[in-house]
C-alpha atoms as a PDB file:
ATOM      1  CA  MET A   1      59.766 -26.898 132.164  1.00  0.00           C
ATOM      2  CA  SER A   2      60.987 -26.457 135.732  1.00  0.00           C
ATOM      3  CA  GLU A   3      63.899 -24.128 136.200  1.00  0.00           C
ATOM      4  CA  THR A   4      65.959 -24.911 139.265  1.00  0.00           C
ATOM      5  CA  PRO A   5      67.885 -21.831 140.323  1.00  0.00           C
ATOM      6  CA  VAL A   6      71.616 -22.312 140.621  1.00  0.00           C
ATOM      7  CA  LYS A   7      72.786 -21.910 144.198  1.00  0.00           C
ATOM      8  CA  GLN A   8      75.175 -18.999 144.309  1.00  0.00           C
ATOM      9  CA  GLN A   9      78.382 -19.533 146.219  1.00  0.00           C
ATOM     10  CA  ASN A  10      81.103 -17.081 147.049  1.00  0.00           C
ATOM     11  CA  THR A  11      84.552 -17.544 145.598  1.00  0.00           C
ATOM     12  CA  ALA A  12      87.453 -18.492 147.841  1.00  0.00           C
ATOM     13  CA  ALA A  13      89.025 -15.082 147.179  1.00  0.00           C
ATOM     14  CA  PHE A  14      85.892 -13.248 148.339  1.00  0.00           C
ATOM     15  CA  TYR A  15      85.664 -15.419 151.455  1.00  0.00           C
ATOM     16  CA  GLY A  16      89.348 -14.855 152.220  1.00  0.00           C
ATOM     17  CA  GLN A  17      89.027 -11.117 151.689  1.00  0.00           C
ATOM     18  CA  ALA A  18      86.038 -10.963 154.047  1.00  0.00           C
ATOM     19  CA  VAL A  19      87.832 -12.929 156.771  1.00  0.00           C
ATOM     20  CA  LEU A  20      91.016 -10.899 156.370  1.00  0.00           C
ATOM     21  CA  SER A  21      89.089  -7.630 156.452  1.00  0.00           C
ATOM     22  CA  PHE A  22      87.289  -8.657 159.633  1.00  0.00           C
ATOM     23  CA  GLY A  23      90.590  -9.672 161.239  1.00  0.00           C
ATOM     24  CA  VAL A  24      92.319  -6.422 160.319  1.00  0.00           C
ATOM     25  CA  ALA A  25      89.390  -4.367 161.633  1.00  0.00           C
ATOM     26  CA  ALA A  26      89.281  -6.324 164.905  1.00  0.00           C
ATOM     27  CA  VAL A  27      93.035  -6.034 165.466  1.00  0.00           C
ATOM     28  CA  ALA A  28      93.108  -2.326 164.573  1.00  0.00           C
ATOM     29  CA  THR A  29      90.213  -1.588 166.925  1.00  0.00           C
ATOM     30  CA  THR A  30      91.826  -3.575 169.734  1.00  0.00           C
ATOM     31  CA  ILE A  31      95.147  -1.753 169.299  1.00  0.00           C
ATOM     32  CA  GLY A  32      93.343   1.579 169.166  1.00  0.00           C
ATOM     33  CA  ILE A  33      91.502   0.866 172.421  1.00  0.00           C
ATOM     34  CA  PHE A  34      94.679  -0.242 174.225  1.00  0.00           C
ATOM     35  CA  LYS A  35      96.709   2.748 172.957  1.00  0.00           C
ATOM     36  CA  LEU A  36      93.959   5.185 173.954  1.00  0.00           C
ATOM     37  CA  GLU A  37      95.039   7.560 176.676  1.00  0.00           C
ATOM     38  CA  ALA A  38      92.104   7.010 178.994  1.00  0.00           C
ATOM     39  CA  ASP A  39      91.263   5.287 182.252  1.00  0.00           C
ATOM     40  CA  THR A  40      91.075   1.518 182.347  1.00  0.00           C
ATOM     41  CA  TRP A  41      87.320   1.510 182.838  1.00  0.00           C
ATOM     42  CA  VAL A  42      86.851   3.650 179.709  1.00  0.00           C
ATOM     43  CA  ARG A  43      88.924   1.207 177.644  1.00  0.00           C
ATOM     44  CA  ALA A  44      87.032  -1.728 179.168  1.00  0.00           C
ATOM     45  CA  PHE A  45      83.713  -0.079 178.283  1.00  0.00           C
ATOM     46  CA  LEU A  46      84.853   0.486 174.699  1.00  0.00           C
ATOM     47  CA  GLY A  47      86.027  -3.140 174.466  1.00  0.00           C
ATOM     48  CA  ILE A  48      82.657  -4.452 175.653  1.00  0.00           C
ATOM     49  CA  ALA A  49      80.867  -2.077 173.272  1.00  0.00           C
ATOM     50  CA  VAL A  50      82.902  -3.397 170.320  1.00  0.00           C
ATOM     51  CA  LEU A  51      82.170  -7.016 171.296  1.00  0.00           C
ATOM     52  CA  TYR A  52      78.458  -6.207 171.567  1.00  0.00           C
ATOM     53  CA  LEU A  53      78.523  -4.510 168.180  1.00  0.00           C
ATOM     54  CA  VAL A  54      80.229  -7.504 166.548  1.00  0.00           C
ATOM     55  CA  THR A  55      77.819 -10.054 168.029  1.00  0.00           C
ATOM     56  CA  SER A  56      74.846  -7.872 167.039  1.00  0.00           C
ATOM     57  CA  ALA A  57      76.156  -7.632 163.466  1.00  0.00           C
ATOM     58  CA  PHE A  58      76.536 -11.427 163.224  1.00  0.00           C
ATOM     59  CA  THR A  59      73.029 -11.936 164.630  1.00  0.00           C
ATOM     60  CA  LEU A  60      71.554  -9.419 162.188  1.00  0.00           C
ATOM     61  CA  ALA A  61      73.301 -11.112 159.247  1.00  0.00           C
ATOM     62  CA  LYS A  62      71.960 -14.509 160.347  1.00  0.00           C
ATOM     63  CA  VAL A  63      68.393 -13.212 160.748  1.00  0.00           C
ATOM     64  CA  ILE A  64      68.472 -11.625 157.290  1.00  0.00           C
ATOM     65  CA  ARG A  65      69.875 -14.834 155.753  1.00  0.00           C
ATOM     66  CA  ASP A  66      67.248 -16.994 157.501  1.00  0.00           C
ATOM     67  CA  ARG A  67      64.421 -14.747 156.297  1.00  0.00           C
ATOM     68  CA  GLN A  68      65.727 -14.862 152.728  1.00  0.00           C
ATOM     69  CA  GLU A  69      66.058 -18.663 152.805  1.00  0.00           C
ATOM     70  CA  ALA A  70      62.534 -19.031 154.216  1.00  0.00           C
ATOM     71  CA  GLY A  71      61.215 -16.849 151.386  1.00  0.00           C
ATOM     72  CA  GLN A  72      62.969 -19.028 148.818  1.00  0.00           C
ATOM     73  CA  ILE A  73      61.438 -22.208 150.307  1.00  0.00           C
ATOM     74  CA  VAL A  74      57.927 -20.720 150.202  1.00  0.00           C
ATOM     75  CA  SER A  75      58.529 -19.585 146.628  1.00  0.00           C
ATOM     76  CA  ARG A  76      59.664 -23.077 145.586  1.00  0.00           C
ATOM     77  CA  VAL A  77      56.603 -24.696 147.218  1.00  0.00           C
ATOM     78  CA  ASP A  78      54.299 -22.252 145.415  1.00  0.00           C
ATOM     79  CA  GLN A  79      56.112 -22.951 142.130  1.00  0.00           C
ATOM     80  CA  ALA A  80      55.704 -26.707 142.614  1.00  0.00           C
ATOM     81  CA  ARG A  81      51.962 -26.304 143.259  1.00  0.00           C
ATOM     82  CA  LEU A  82      51.583 -24.186 140.139  1.00  0.00           C
ATOM     83  CA  GLU A  83      53.484 -26.722 138.021  1.00  0.00           C
ATOM     84  CA  LYS A  84      51.270 -29.531 139.373  1.00  0.00           C
ATOM     85  CA  LEU A  85      48.112 -27.582 138.486  1.00  0.00           C
ATOM     86  CA  LEU A  86      49.399 -26.785 135.002  1.00  0.00           C
ATOM     87  CA  ALA A  87      50.402 -30.402 134.396  1.00  0.00           C
ATOM     88  CA  ALA A  88      46.960 -31.631 135.436  1.00  0.00           C
ATOM     89  CA  HIS A  89      45.108 -29.038 133.336  1.00  0.00           C
ATOM     90  CA  ASP A  90      43.861 -30.206 129.940  1.00  0.00           C
ATOM     91  CA  PRO A  91      42.873 -27.204 127.803  1.00  0.00           C
ATOM     92  CA  PHE A  92      41.055 -29.445 125.309  1.00  0.00           C
ATOM     93  CA  GLU A  93      38.799 -31.073 127.923  1.00  0.00           C
ATOM     94  CA  LYS A  94      35.093 -30.453 127.326  1.00  0.00           C
ATOM     95  CA  LEU A  95      33.364 -28.456 130.009  1.00  0.00           C
END
């Protein structure tokens, strides 16, 4: 009667592609900043801005994941309460 949802996991290929894509983007951005014909302080500012952007993106992804997981836990608790009520209910009991 209870359906336990299957936990979805990413494939190794998807994980590898994500890591590789992040690495390529980070290296390309770093090379682009160093090859930029600008003052050192401008390149330093761009480097700090990229680091801030990356850390903000990781934080945002974590917050979204945590909120989704919290919603799933609440949903499972509510489902368990409903199943307990339905199991205890006898439709043929006299009122």
